[in-house]
Amino acid sequence: MHQEDIEAIRQRLTELRVEHRDLDEAIARLAEGVFVDQLQLSRLKKRKLLIKDMIARLESKLIPDLNA
C-alpha cells in the first residue's frame, strides 16, 4: 500500500471517529429528554453502529499483511 493511501485511510478514520463521538453525544442528549423520539434514536444508533463497522474495516487495512 502506498503512503498516500495510508494517509487517506488515517484521515478518513479521524473523520469517522469524530462523527462517531458526535453521534454518541447526540444519542445521550436525545435519550435524556422527557419525550424521546424512538425512531430518531434508533436511526442514530444504527448510523453509529455503521460507522463503528467502517472504522474497524479501515483499521484492519492498516495492519500489515503477515503473508508478505
N, C-alpha and C. Protein backbone atom coordinates (compact mmCIF):
# COMPACT_ATOMS: atom_id res chain seq x y z
N MET A 1 0.85 -1.17 0.00
CA MET A 1 0.00 0.00 0.00
C MET A 1 0.90 1.24 0.00
N HIS A 2 0.53 2.22 -0.79
CA HIS A 2 1.31 3.44 -0.91
C HIS A 2 1.08 4.36 0.30
N GLN A 3 2.06 5.21 0.53
CA GLN A 3 1.99 6.12 1.67
C GLN A 3 0.78 7.04 1.58
N GLU A 4 0.44 7.51 0.38
CA GLU A 4 -0.72 8.40 0.26
C GLU A 4 -2.02 7.66 0.55
N ASP A 5 -2.07 6.35 0.23
CA ASP A 5 -3.25 5.55 0.57
C ASP A 5 -3.39 5.42 2.09
N ILE A 6 -2.27 5.19 2.75
CA ILE A 6 -2.27 5.06 4.20
C ILE A 6 -2.73 6.37 4.85
N GLU A 7 -2.23 7.49 4.33
CA GLU A 7 -2.61 8.79 4.88
C GLU A 7 -4.09 9.07 4.65
N ALA A 8 -4.61 8.67 3.49
CA ALA A 8 -6.03 8.86 3.19
C ALA A 8 -6.89 8.04 4.15
N ILE A 9 -6.46 6.82 4.43
CA ILE A 9 -7.20 5.97 5.36
C ILE A 9 -7.16 6.57 6.76
N ARG A 10 -6.01 7.05 7.18
CA ARG A 10 -5.89 7.66 8.51
C ARG A 10 -6.77 8.91 8.63
N GLN A 11 -6.81 9.71 7.56
CA GLN A 11 -7.65 10.90 7.56
C GLN A 11 -9.13 10.51 7.66
N ARG A 12 -9.53 9.50 6.91
CA ARG A 12 -10.92 9.04 6.94
C ARG A 12 -11.26 8.48 8.33
N LEU A 13 -10.31 7.75 8.93
CA LEU A 13 -10.52 7.23 10.28
C LEU A 13 -10.76 8.37 11.28
N THR A 14 -9.99 9.42 11.15
CA THR A 14 -10.16 10.57 12.04
C THR A 14 -11.55 11.17 11.88
N GLU A 15 -11.99 11.33 10.63
CA GLU A 15 -13.32 11.88 10.36
C GLU A 15 -14.41 10.99 10.94
N LEU A 16 -14.28 9.69 10.75
CA LEU A 16 -15.28 8.76 11.23
C LEU A 16 -15.32 8.72 12.76
N ARG A 17 -14.16 8.80 13.39
CA ARG A 17 -14.13 8.80 14.86
C ARG A 17 -14.80 10.05 15.42
N VAL A 18 -14.61 11.18 14.77
CA VAL A 18 -15.27 12.42 15.20
C VAL A 18 -16.78 12.27 15.05
N GLU A 19 -17.21 11.76 13.90
CA GLU A 19 -18.64 11.57 13.68
C GLU A 19 -19.23 10.58 14.68
N HIS A 20 -18.50 9.51 14.99
CA HIS A 20 -18.95 8.51 15.95
C HIS A 20 -19.12 9.14 17.34
N ARG A 21 -18.15 9.95 17.73
CA ARG A 21 -18.22 10.63 19.03
C ARG A 21 -19.39 11.62 19.07
N ASP A 22 -19.57 12.36 17.98
CA ASP A 22 -20.68 13.32 17.91
C ASP A 22 -22.03 12.61 17.99
N LEU A 23 -22.15 11.47 17.32
CA LEU A 23 -23.39 10.69 17.38
C LEU A 23 -23.63 10.18 18.80
N ASP A 24 -22.58 9.76 19.45
CA ASP A 24 -22.70 9.28 20.83
C ASP A 24 -23.26 10.38 21.73
N GLU A 25 -22.74 11.59 21.55
CA GLU A 25 -23.23 12.72 22.34
C GLU A 25 -24.68 13.06 21.99
N ALA A 26 -25.02 13.02 20.72
CA ALA A 26 -26.38 13.32 20.28
C ALA A 26 -27.37 12.29 20.83
N ILE A 27 -26.96 11.03 20.83
CA ILE A 27 -27.81 9.96 21.36
C ILE A 27 -28.03 10.17 22.86
N ALA A 28 -26.99 10.51 23.57
CA ALA A 28 -27.10 10.74 25.01
C ALA A 28 -28.04 11.91 25.30
N ARG A 29 -27.90 13.00 24.54
CA ARG A 29 -28.78 14.16 24.75
C ARG A 29 -30.22 13.82 24.44
N LEU A 30 -30.44 13.10 23.34
CA LEU A 30 -31.79 12.73 22.93
C LEU A 30 -32.44 11.81 23.97
N ALA A 31 -31.67 10.88 24.51
CA ALA A 31 -32.20 9.93 25.47
C ALA A 31 -32.52 10.59 26.81
N GLU A 32 -31.89 11.72 27.11
CA GLU A 32 -32.14 12.42 28.36
C GLU A 32 -33.48 13.15 28.37
N GLY A 33 -34.01 13.43 27.20
CA GLY A 33 -35.23 14.23 27.12
C GLY A 33 -36.44 13.52 27.70
N VAL A 34 -37.44 14.32 28.04
CA VAL A 34 -38.68 13.78 28.60
C VAL A 34 -39.43 13.00 27.52
N PHE A 35 -39.54 13.60 26.34
CA PHE A 35 -40.22 12.95 25.23
C PHE A 35 -39.15 12.50 24.23
N VAL A 36 -38.92 11.21 24.17
CA VAL A 36 -37.86 10.67 23.33
C VAL A 36 -38.45 10.19 22.02
N ASP A 37 -37.87 10.67 20.92
CA ASP A 37 -38.28 10.23 19.58
C ASP A 37 -37.56 8.90 19.31
N GLN A 38 -38.26 7.81 19.55
CA GLN A 38 -37.65 6.48 19.43
C GLN A 38 -37.15 6.20 18.01
N LEU A 39 -37.85 6.69 17.01
CA LEU A 39 -37.44 6.46 15.62
C LEU A 39 -36.11 7.16 15.34
N GLN A 40 -36.03 8.41 15.75
CA GLN A 40 -34.78 9.15 15.54
C GLN A 40 -33.65 8.52 16.35
N LEU A 41 -33.93 8.12 17.57
CA LEU A 41 -32.92 7.47 18.41
C LEU A 41 -32.41 6.19 17.76
N SER A 42 -33.33 5.41 17.22
CA SER A 42 -32.96 4.16 16.55
C SER A 42 -32.10 4.43 15.32
N ARG A 43 -32.46 5.44 14.55
CA ARG A 43 -31.68 5.78 13.35
C ARG A 43 -30.28 6.24 13.71
N LEU A 44 -30.16 7.03 14.76
CA LEU A 44 -28.83 7.49 15.20
C LEU A 44 -27.98 6.32 15.66
N LYS A 45 -28.59 5.39 16.39
CA LYS A 45 -27.84 4.22 16.87
C LYS A 45 -27.39 3.34 15.72
N LYS A 46 -28.24 3.18 14.71
CA LYS A 46 -27.86 2.38 13.53
C LYS A 46 -26.71 3.04 12.79
N ARG A 47 -26.78 4.37 12.65
CA ARG A 47 -25.71 5.11 11.98
C ARG A 47 -24.40 4.96 12.76
N LYS A 48 -24.48 5.05 14.08
CA LYS A 48 -23.30 4.91 14.92
C LYS A 48 -22.67 3.53 14.76
N LEU A 49 -23.52 2.50 14.70
CA LEU A 49 -23.02 1.14 14.51
C LEU A 49 -22.37 0.97 13.14
N LEU A 50 -22.97 1.56 12.11
CA LEU A 50 -22.40 1.51 10.77
C LEU A 50 -21.02 2.16 10.75
N ILE A 51 -20.91 3.30 11.40
CA ILE A 51 -19.62 4.00 11.46
C ILE A 51 -18.59 3.16 12.22
N LYS A 52 -19.02 2.51 13.29
CA LYS A 52 -18.10 1.64 14.05
C LYS A 52 -17.56 0.53 13.16
N ASP A 53 -18.44 -0.06 12.35
CA ASP A 53 -18.01 -1.12 11.42
C ASP A 53 -17.05 -0.57 10.37
N MET A 54 -17.33 0.63 9.86
CA MET A 54 -16.45 1.24 8.87
C MET A 54 -15.07 1.50 9.47
N ILE A 55 -15.04 1.95 10.72
CA ILE A 55 -13.77 2.20 11.40
C ILE A 55 -12.99 0.90 11.53
N ALA A 56 -13.65 -0.17 11.92
CA ALA A 56 -12.98 -1.46 12.09
C ALA A 56 -12.39 -1.95 10.76
N ARG A 57 -13.15 -1.79 9.67
CA ARG A 57 -12.65 -2.22 8.36
C ARG A 57 -11.43 -1.42 7.93
N LEU A 58 -11.48 -0.10 8.15
CA LEU A 58 -10.34 0.73 7.77
C LEU A 58 -9.12 0.44 8.63
N GLU A 59 -9.34 0.23 9.92
CA GLU A 59 -8.21 -0.10 10.81
C GLU A 59 -7.56 -1.41 10.39
N SER A 60 -8.36 -2.36 9.94
CA SER A 60 -7.79 -3.65 9.52
C SER A 60 -6.95 -3.49 8.25
N LYS A 61 -7.27 -2.50 7.43
CA LYS A 61 -6.46 -2.25 6.22
C LYS A 61 -5.08 -1.72 6.58
N LEU A 62 -4.96 -1.10 7.74
CA LEU A 62 -3.67 -0.54 8.16
C LEU A 62 -2.75 -1.58 8.80
N ILE A 63 -3.29 -2.74 9.12
CA ILE A 63 -2.49 -3.80 9.71
C ILE A 63 -1.67 -4.47 8.61
N PRO A 64 -0.37 -4.56 8.79
CA PRO A 64 0.47 -5.17 7.74
C PRO A 64 0.07 -6.63 7.50
N ASP A 65 0.15 -7.02 6.24
CA ASP A 65 -0.17 -8.40 5.86
C ASP A 65 0.97 -9.31 6.32
N LEU A 66 0.63 -10.31 7.12
CA LEU A 66 1.65 -11.18 7.68
C LEU A 66 2.22 -12.16 6.64
N ASN A 67 1.51 -12.36 5.53
CA ASN A 67 1.98 -13.26 4.50
C ASN A 67 2.99 -12.60 3.57
N ALA A 68 3.19 -11.32 3.68
CA ALA A 68 4.06 -10.60 2.77
C ALA A 68 5.51 -10.89 3.02
